[in-house]
Amino acid sequence: MELGIYIMDSWTFSFSPSNLPSKLSGLPMYDGINISEEVLRNETDQSLTNTSTAVITFMYFVVCAIGLCGNALVIYVILRYAKMKTVTNIYILNLAVADVLFMLSLPFIAIQLALVHWPFGAALCRVVMTVDSLNQFTSIFCLMVMSIDRYLAVVHPIKSTKWRKPRVAKTINLVVWVVSFVVNLPIVIYSGLITKPDGCFCTIVWPEPQETYYTIFMFYTFFLGFFLPLMVICLCYLCIIIKVKSSGVRVSSSKRRQSEKRVTRMVSIVVAVFVFCWLPFYIFNVTSVTGTISTTPFLRSMFAFVVVLGYANSCANPILYAFLSENFKKSFQNVLCLKKAGALDDAERTSSKQNKPRIMNEPTETHNTLLNGDLQTSM
């Protein structure tokens, strides 16, 4: 799904082949729709003011800097500390990798916004467009997988141990990327440059009939990239709530029960923040096909904010992990030298020694099951 900053004046939320938006740009690219010649020729007069454009460009670079640093830190601590290699964290690692790649495309988008043309050539245009939209599908699919994993861990903690293993999680992550790329093929195929009197612009160049391709694409990205995965996520959490309230979920120890609770809470909040950041964008997308709303300066400013909000989701997750996961918090402090180096490793060794007697004395589960359960749920 193509994202972007759409700077427009006479743009309306009704389809017209001449005002097809597209996404990549700092240049108006509304989910892969072409920008009209009139908008391009009169951008200064018909779009955000130069001051507003500068502010939005600056916000892009801020989001990029925070997102790169935060997600790189997440990747490092998961790879660095053995205690962080849980099943849930392997999915979080996948999400962080997608966000890092996504952040790398933001400077190009910001530069096109500032320069009002694309100076990097056709090949890089296709790469940036692909990476930009690939993140959107990968993120929601990864959150869907994490929610299914939460359902299995909370409702079927023993039966799911054969599936909830790091090796399986890595395979699922690979499948997520393959599926995301396949779903993203329309953008890979049709990304390109359009040449205008003012310069070249990176966008999606739909073949004729443009209106048909545009309408199909909008619903395609909405259903596959947001609605259907969100329905699966909601169903997983609904089943968790029903099971817990009706029959109770029995686990072998209070420590594991508390750990599952913390992990489920963290994943549910990450999902909620994702929906909060992206739902307004999809509302604009769907409205552009199904409704006719005359644009106003306020509405244009609101849409610009909605686009930035969507991008900002990629730098929000590391902040959420720091507040919601004690292990992430300690790992971040350790790496940033805010606490004694090696403290997390020492805690791991101490915890391992303390767990040995408990493992030997609890006849309700096997030794391997407990070890696997701790690995899967410790946060």
Protein backbone atom coordinates (compact mmCIF):
# COMPACT_ATOMS: atom_id res chain seq x y z
CA MET A 1 0.00 0.00 0.00
CA GLU A 2 1.48 3.10 -1.05
CA LEU A 3 1.86 5.73 1.52
CA GLY A 4 2.88 9.25 1.14
CA ILE A 5 2.30 12.87 1.69
CA TYR A 6 -0.41 14.18 -0.44
CA ILE A 7 -0.31 17.88 -0.96
CA MET A 8 -3.44 18.89 -2.73
CA ASP A 9 -5.86 21.70 -3.12
CA SER A 10 -8.73 20.91 -5.47
CA TRP A 11 -8.40 17.21 -4.75
CA THR A 12 -11.70 15.57 -3.81
CA PHE A 13 -12.46 12.20 -2.34
CA SER A 14 -14.03 11.07 -5.55
CA PHE A 15 -12.18 9.24 -8.27
CA SER A 16 -11.00 11.05 -11.29
CA PRO A 17 -8.27 9.66 -13.55
CA SER A 18 -6.63 13.05 -13.56
CA ASN A 19 -6.22 13.26 -9.81
CA LEU A 20 -5.17 9.72 -9.08
CA PRO A 21 -2.94 9.99 -6.00
CA SER A 22 0.03 7.85 -5.37
CA LYS A 23 1.96 7.09 -2.29
CA LEU A 24 5.57 7.33 -2.18
CA SER A 25 5.96 10.92 -2.42
CA GLY A 26 6.66 13.59 -0.37
CA LEU A 27 4.98 14.38 -3.50
CA PRO A 28 1.39 13.61 -3.34
CA MET A 29 1.05 9.91 -3.75
CA TYR A 30 -2.13 8.67 -2.25
CA ASP A 31 -1.88 4.94 -2.05
CA GLY A 32 -0.58 4.53 -5.46
CA ILE A 33 -2.63 7.00 -7.44
CA ASN A 34 -1.17 9.31 -10.03
CA ILE A 35 -0.97 13.02 -9.36
CA SER A 36 -2.76 15.36 -11.70
CA GLU A 37 -0.80 17.75 -13.89
CA GLU A 38 -2.70 20.66 -12.45
CA VAL A 39 -1.66 19.75 -8.91
CA LEU A 40 1.95 19.41 -10.00
CA ARG A 41 2.01 22.71 -11.89
CA ASN A 42 0.32 24.64 -9.14
CA GLU A 43 1.65 22.91 -6.06
CA THR A 44 2.87 26.10 -4.44
CA ASP A 45 -0.52 27.75 -4.76
CA GLN A 46 -2.73 24.71 -4.31
CA SER A 47 -1.04 22.78 -1.54
CA LEU A 48 0.44 23.28 1.85
CA THR A 49 2.45 26.44 2.30
CA ASN A 50 6.23 26.33 2.11
CA THR A 51 6.36 26.55 5.88
CA SER A 52 4.00 23.61 6.28
CA THR A 53 5.99 21.59 3.78
CA ALA A 54 9.20 22.32 5.67
CA VAL A 55 7.58 21.27 8.95
CA ILE A 56 6.32 18.01 7.50
CA THR A 57 9.69 17.29 5.90
CA PHE A 58 11.35 17.87 9.26
CA MET A 59 8.85 15.53 10.93
CA TYR A 60 9.76 12.84 8.41
CA PHE A 61 13.43 13.07 9.31
CA VAL A 62 12.63 13.03 13.05
CA VAL A 63 10.46 9.93 12.62
CA CYS A 64 13.22 8.34 10.56
CA ALA A 65 15.92 9.03 13.17
CA ILE A 66 13.83 7.78 16.11
CA GLY A 67 12.59 4.76 14.17
CA LEU A 68 16.04 3.71 13.01
CA CYS A 69 17.64 4.06 16.43
CA GLY A 70 14.78 2.45 18.32
CA ASN A 71 14.28 -0.54 16.04
CA ALA A 72 18.02 -1.09 15.63
CA LEU A 73 18.22 -1.24 19.43
CA VAL A 74 15.40 -3.80 19.53
CA ILE A 75 17.18 -5.97 16.95
CA TYR A 76 20.47 -5.74 18.83
CA VAL A 77 19.15 -6.71 22.26
CA ILE A 78 17.16 -9.67 20.91
CA LEU A 79 20.24 -10.98 19.10
CA ARG A 80 22.58 -10.12 21.98
CA TYR A 81 20.85 -11.66 25.01
CA ALA A 82 19.84 -15.31 25.23
CA LYS A 83 16.93 -14.50 27.52
CA MET A 84 15.44 -12.28 24.81
CA LYS A 85 15.20 -15.11 22.25
CA THR A 86 11.60 -16.05 23.07
CA VAL A 87 9.04 -17.01 20.46
CA THR A 88 7.21 -13.70 20.84
CA ASN A 89 10.46 -11.74 20.58
CA ILE A 90 11.38 -13.55 17.37
CA TYR A 91 8.18 -12.15 15.87
CA ILE A 92 9.03 -8.75 17.34
CA LEU A 93 12.48 -9.04 15.71
CA ASN A 94 10.78 -9.59 12.35
CA LEU A 95 8.60 -6.53 12.89
CA ALA A 96 11.65 -4.43 13.85
CA VAL A 97 13.54 -5.52 10.71
CA ALA A 98 10.57 -4.47 8.56
CA ASP A 99 10.42 -1.10 10.33
CA VAL A 100 14.15 -0.50 9.85
CA LEU A 101 13.85 -1.12 6.11
CA PHE A 102 10.83 1.14 6.07
CA MET A 103 12.70 3.92 7.88
CA LEU A 104 15.47 3.75 5.28
CA SER A 105 12.96 4.81 2.61
CA LEU A 106 11.73 7.87 4.51
CA PRO A 107 14.63 10.21 3.61
CA PHE A 108 13.89 9.68 -0.09
CA ILE A 109 10.22 10.45 0.47
CA ALA A 110 11.09 13.56 2.49
CA ILE A 111 13.53 14.77 -0.18
CA GLN A 112 10.93 14.40 -2.93
CA LEU A 113 8.52 16.36 -0.77
CA ALA A 114 11.05 19.15 -0.25
CA LEU A 115 12.32 19.31 -3.85
CA VAL A 116 8.95 18.64 -5.49
CA HIS A 117 10.56 16.15 -7.86
CA TRP A 118 12.34 12.80 -7.77
CA PRO A 119 16.10 13.14 -8.41
CA PHE A 120 17.18 9.51 -7.79
CA GLY A 121 16.27 7.68 -10.99
CA ALA A 122 13.78 4.97 -11.97
CA ALA A 123 15.54 1.99 -10.36
CA LEU A 124 15.73 3.55 -6.91
CA CYS A 125 12.15 4.75 -7.27
CA ARG A 126 10.95 1.17 -7.67
CA VAL A 127 13.08 -0.02 -4.75
CA VAL A 128 11.82 2.69 -2.39
CA MET A 129 8.21 2.21 -3.45
CA THR A 130 8.49 -1.54 -2.93
CA VAL A 131 10.15 -1.30 0.49
CA ASP A 132 7.74 1.40 1.59
CA SER A 133 4.63 -0.65 0.79
CA LEU A 134 6.14 -4.02 1.74
CA ASN A 135 6.47 -2.83 5.33
CA GLN A 136 2.76 -2.18 5.54
CA PHE A 137 1.80 -5.74 4.66
CA THR A 138 4.63 -7.30 6.66
CA SER A 139 3.73 -5.33 9.79
CA ILE A 140 0.05 -6.29 9.86
CA PHE A 141 0.77 -9.93 8.94
CA CYS A 142 3.39 -10.12 11.70
CA LEU A 143 0.94 -8.68 14.24
CA MET A 144 -1.63 -11.21 13.09
CA VAL A 145 0.84 -14.05 13.64
CA MET A 146 1.75 -12.66 17.08
CA SER A 147 -1.94 -12.58 18.03
CA ILE A 148 -2.43 -16.19 16.94
CA ASP A 149 0.65 -17.08 18.97
CA ARG A 150 -0.88 -15.34 22.01
CA TYR A 151 -4.08 -17.35 21.59
CA LEU A 152 -2.14 -20.62 21.49
CA ALA A 153 0.06 -19.66 24.44
CA VAL A 154 -2.80 -18.56 26.70
CA VAL A 155 -5.58 -20.97 25.75
CA HIS A 156 -3.54 -24.05 24.79
CA PRO A 157 -0.27 -23.66 26.75
CA ILE A 158 0.63 -27.38 26.75
CA LYS A 159 -0.68 -28.57 23.39
CA SER A 160 0.92 -25.65 21.57
CA THR A 161 4.46 -26.30 22.82
CA LYS A 162 5.31 -28.41 19.77
CA TRP A 163 4.43 -25.45 17.54
CA ARG A 164 5.60 -22.56 19.69
CA LYS A 165 9.32 -23.02 19.21
CA PRO A 166 11.95 -20.53 17.99
CA ARG A 167 12.69 -22.65 14.93
CA VAL A 168 9.04 -22.66 13.89
CA ALA A 169 8.76 -18.92 14.55
CA LYS A 170 11.69 -18.24 12.22
CA THR A 171 10.06 -20.30 9.48
CA ILE A 172 6.78 -18.42 9.93
CA ASN A 173 8.65 -15.10 9.69
CA LEU A 174 10.09 -16.20 6.36
CA VAL A 175 6.62 -17.14 5.13
CA VAL A 176 5.33 -13.71 6.21
CA TRP A 177 7.93 -11.99 4.01
CA VAL A 178 7.17 -14.22 1.03
CA VAL A 179 3.41 -13.67 1.32
CA SER A 180 3.91 -9.92 1.79
CA PHE A 181 6.05 -9.73 -1.33
CA VAL A 182 3.49 -11.66 -3.39
CA VAL A 183 0.67 -9.40 -2.17
CA ASN A 184 2.88 -6.40 -2.97
CA LEU A 185 3.51 -7.42 -6.60
CA PRO A 186 1.20 -4.78 -8.16
CA ILE A 187 3.37 -2.05 -6.66
CA VAL A 188 6.58 -3.82 -7.72
CA ILE A 189 5.30 -4.08 -11.28
CA TYR A 190 3.74 -0.65 -11.77
CA SER A 191 6.08 1.63 -9.79
CA GLY A 192 7.86 4.13 -12.00
CA LEU A 193 8.51 7.71 -12.97
CA ILE A 194 6.20 10.21 -14.60
CA THR A 195 7.74 13.16 -16.39
CA LYS A 196 6.21 16.60 -16.03
CA PRO A 197 7.39 20.08 -17.01
CA ASP A 198 8.65 20.58 -13.47
CA GLY A 199 10.60 17.31 -13.36
CA CYS A 200 10.20 13.59 -12.69
CA PHE A 201 8.05 12.14 -9.95
CA CYS A 202 8.11 8.70 -8.39
CA THR A 203 4.66 7.13 -8.28
CA ILE A 204 2.60 4.19 -9.50
CA VAL A 205 1.86 4.30 -13.22
CA TRP A 206 -1.38 2.40 -13.74
CA PRO A 207 -2.24 1.08 -17.22
CA GLU A 208 -5.56 1.84 -18.85
CA PRO A 209 -8.25 1.82 -17.66
CA GLN A 210 -6.75 3.69 -14.74
CA GLU A 211 -10.03 4.06 -12.89
CA THR A 212 -10.58 0.30 -12.75
CA TYR A 213 -7.04 -0.44 -11.61
CA TYR A 214 -7.21 2.31 -9.01
CA THR A 215 -10.51 1.15 -7.52
CA ILE A 216 -9.45 -2.49 -7.37
CA PHE A 217 -6.13 -1.56 -5.81
CA MET A 218 -7.71 0.54 -3.08
CA PHE A 219 -10.01 -2.25 -1.96
CA TYR A 220 -7.26 -4.82 -2.47
CA THR A 221 -4.88 -3.07 -0.07
CA PHE A 222 -7.65 -2.33 2.42
CA PHE A 223 -8.92 -5.90 2.68
CA LEU A 224 -5.60 -7.79 2.44
CA GLY A 225 -3.44 -5.21 4.22
CA PHE A 226 -5.76 -4.19 7.02
CA PHE A 227 -9.33 -5.49 7.34
CA LEU A 228 -8.87 -9.26 7.07
CA PRO A 229 -5.74 -9.45 9.29
CA LEU A 230 -7.46 -7.18 11.82
CA MET A 231 -10.48 -9.51 11.90
CA VAL A 232 -8.19 -12.46 12.66
CA ILE A 233 -6.50 -10.45 15.41
CA CYS A 234 -9.83 -9.47 16.97
CA LEU A 235 -11.05 -13.07 16.78
CA CYS A 236 -7.92 -14.31 18.58
CA TYR A 237 -8.36 -11.86 21.46
CA LEU A 238 -12.09 -12.53 21.63
CA CYS A 239 -11.40 -16.26 21.97
CA ILE A 240 -8.82 -15.54 24.67
CA ILE A 241 -11.32 -13.46 26.65
CA ILE A 242 -14.10 -16.04 26.28
CA LYS A 243 -11.88 -18.96 27.29
CA VAL A 244 -10.40 -17.17 30.27
CA LYS A 245 -13.76 -15.96 31.57
CA SER A 246 -15.74 -19.15 30.96
CA SER A 247 -13.41 -21.96 31.93
CA GLY A 248 -10.19 -20.34 33.06
CA VAL A 249 -6.80 -21.03 31.59
CA ARG A 250 -4.79 -23.33 33.81
CA VAL A 251 -1.06 -22.99 33.91
CA SER A 252 1.47 -24.75 36.04
CA SER A 253 2.85 -21.81 38.00
CA SER A 254 1.96 -18.30 38.98
CA LYS A 255 5.22 -17.11 37.45
CA ARG A 256 4.27 -18.39 34.01
CA ARG A 257 0.71 -17.10 34.36
CA GLN A 258 1.99 -13.61 35.14
CA SER A 259 4.46 -13.82 32.25
CA GLU A 260 1.73 -14.79 29.80
CA LYS A 261 -0.39 -11.93 31.06
CA ARG A 262 2.40 -9.40 30.51
CA VAL A 263 3.21 -10.68 27.02
CA THR A 264 -0.45 -10.71 25.97
CA ARG A 265 -0.90 -7.20 27.30
CA MET A 266 2.13 -5.95 25.41
CA VAL A 267 1.11 -7.55 22.11
CA SER A 268 -2.48 -6.28 22.43
CA ILE A 269 -1.26 -2.72 23.05
CA VAL A 270 1.13 -2.88 20.08
CA VAL A 271 -1.80 -4.02 17.91
CA ALA A 272 -4.05 -1.26 19.29
CA VAL A 273 -1.42 1.41 18.54
CA PHE A 274 -1.03 0.04 15.01
CA VAL A 275 -4.78 0.31 14.43
CA PHE A 276 -4.84 3.81 15.93
CA CYS A 277 -2.06 4.95 13.58
CA TRP A 278 -3.32 3.32 10.38
CA LEU A 279 -7.11 3.32 10.60
CA PRO A 280 -7.46 7.05 9.66
CA PHE A 281 -5.30 6.47 6.58
CA TYR A 282 -7.51 3.62 5.40
CA ILE A 283 -10.62 5.67 6.07
CA PHE A 284 -9.25 8.31 3.67
CA ASN A 285 -8.38 5.59 1.15
CA VAL A 286 -11.79 3.95 1.16
CA THR A 287 -13.57 7.32 1.13
CA SER A 288 -11.62 8.32 -1.96
CA VAL A 289 -13.36 5.49 -3.81
CA THR A 290 -16.81 5.36 -2.22
CA GLY A 291 -17.57 9.00 -1.40
CA THR A 292 -17.46 12.54 -2.74
CA ILE A 293 -16.21 15.05 -0.19
CA SER A 294 -14.99 18.45 -1.27
CA THR A 295 -11.58 19.15 0.13
CA THR A 296 -10.85 22.07 2.45
CA PRO A 297 -7.59 23.47 3.84
CA PHE A 298 -8.43 21.81 7.17
CA LEU A 299 -9.07 18.47 5.47
CA ARG A 300 -5.79 18.70 3.55
CA SER A 301 -3.91 19.44 6.76
CA MET A 302 -5.71 16.57 8.46
CA PHE A 303 -4.69 14.17 5.73
CA ALA A 304 -1.07 15.32 5.93
CA PHE A 305 -1.16 14.55 9.65
CA VAL A 306 -2.77 11.15 8.99
CA VAL A 307 0.07 10.18 6.66
CA VAL A 308 2.74 11.22 9.16
CA LEU A 309 0.85 9.32 11.89
CA GLY A 310 0.99 6.15 9.81
CA TYR A 311 4.74 6.47 9.33
CA ALA A 312 5.22 7.29 13.02
CA ASN A 313 3.85 3.89 14.01
CA SER A 314 7.17 2.36 12.98
CA CYS A 315 9.04 4.31 15.65
CA ALA A 316 6.41 3.78 18.38
CA ASN A 317 6.98 0.06 18.98
CA PRO A 318 10.43 0.28 20.63
CA ILE A 319 9.01 2.87 23.04
CA LEU A 320 6.13 0.52 23.88
CA TYR A 321 8.52 -2.37 24.51
CA ALA A 322 10.55 -0.22 26.91
CA PHE A 323 7.46 0.59 28.98
CA LEU A 324 5.63 -2.74 28.78
CA SER A 325 8.41 -5.34 28.98
CA GLU A 326 10.76 -5.51 31.94
CA ASN A 327 13.32 -7.54 30.00
CA PHE A 328 13.34 -5.08 27.10
CA LYS A 329 13.67 -2.24 29.57
CA LYS A 330 16.63 -3.87 31.33
CA SER A 331 18.24 -4.77 28.01
CA PHE A 332 17.90 -1.21 26.71
CA GLN A 333 19.40 0.15 29.94
CA ASN A 334 22.26 -2.30 29.70
CA VAL A 335 23.11 -1.44 26.09
CA LEU A 336 22.80 2.30 26.72
CA CYS A 337 25.04 1.98 29.81
CA LEU A 338 22.23 3.12 32.10
CA LYS A 339 22.87 0.16 34.39
CA LYS A 340 25.74 -2.14 35.26
CA ALA A 341 26.97 -4.01 32.22
CA GLY A 342 26.18 -7.68 32.26
CA ALA A 343 23.36 -7.29 34.77
CA LEU A 344 20.87 -9.00 32.46
CA ASP A 345 23.22 -11.90 31.84
CA ASP A 346 23.73 -12.28 35.59
CA ALA A 347 19.99 -12.21 36.09
CA GLU A 348 19.62 -14.94 33.48
CA ARG A 349 22.10 -17.20 35.26
CA THR A 350 20.48 -16.56 38.63
CA SER A 351 17.02 -17.21 37.23
CA SER A 352 18.22 -20.43 35.62
CA LYS A 353 19.62 -21.70 38.91
CA GLN A 354 16.45 -20.80 40.78
CA ASN A 355 14.27 -22.58 38.22
CA LYS A 356 16.04 -25.94 38.45
CA PRO A 357 14.47 -27.05 41.77
CA ARG A 358 11.04 -25.94 40.59
CA ILE A 359 11.38 -27.92 37.37
CA MET A 360 12.36 -31.08 39.25
CA ASN A 361 9.60 -30.74 41.83
CA GLU A 362 6.60 -30.05 39.58
CA PRO A 363 5.20 -33.41 38.40
CA THR A 364 2.32 -31.85 36.46
CA GLU A 365 4.49 -31.05 33.44
CA THR A 366 7.56 -32.53 31.89
CA HIS A 367 10.99 -30.98 32.24
CA ASN A 368 11.10 -30.11 28.54
CA THR A 369 7.66 -28.54 28.54
CA LEU A 370 8.53 -26.18 31.37
CA LEU A 371 11.78 -25.16 29.77
CA ASN A 372 10.00 -24.53 26.48
CA GLY A 373 7.22 -22.66 28.21
CA ASP A 374 9.66 -20.37 30.02
CA LEU A 375 11.49 -19.71 26.77
CA GLN A 376 8.26 -18.86 25.01
CA THR A 377 6.80 -16.52 27.59
CA SER A 378 9.56 -14.80 29.51
CA MET A 379 9.51 -11.07 28.90
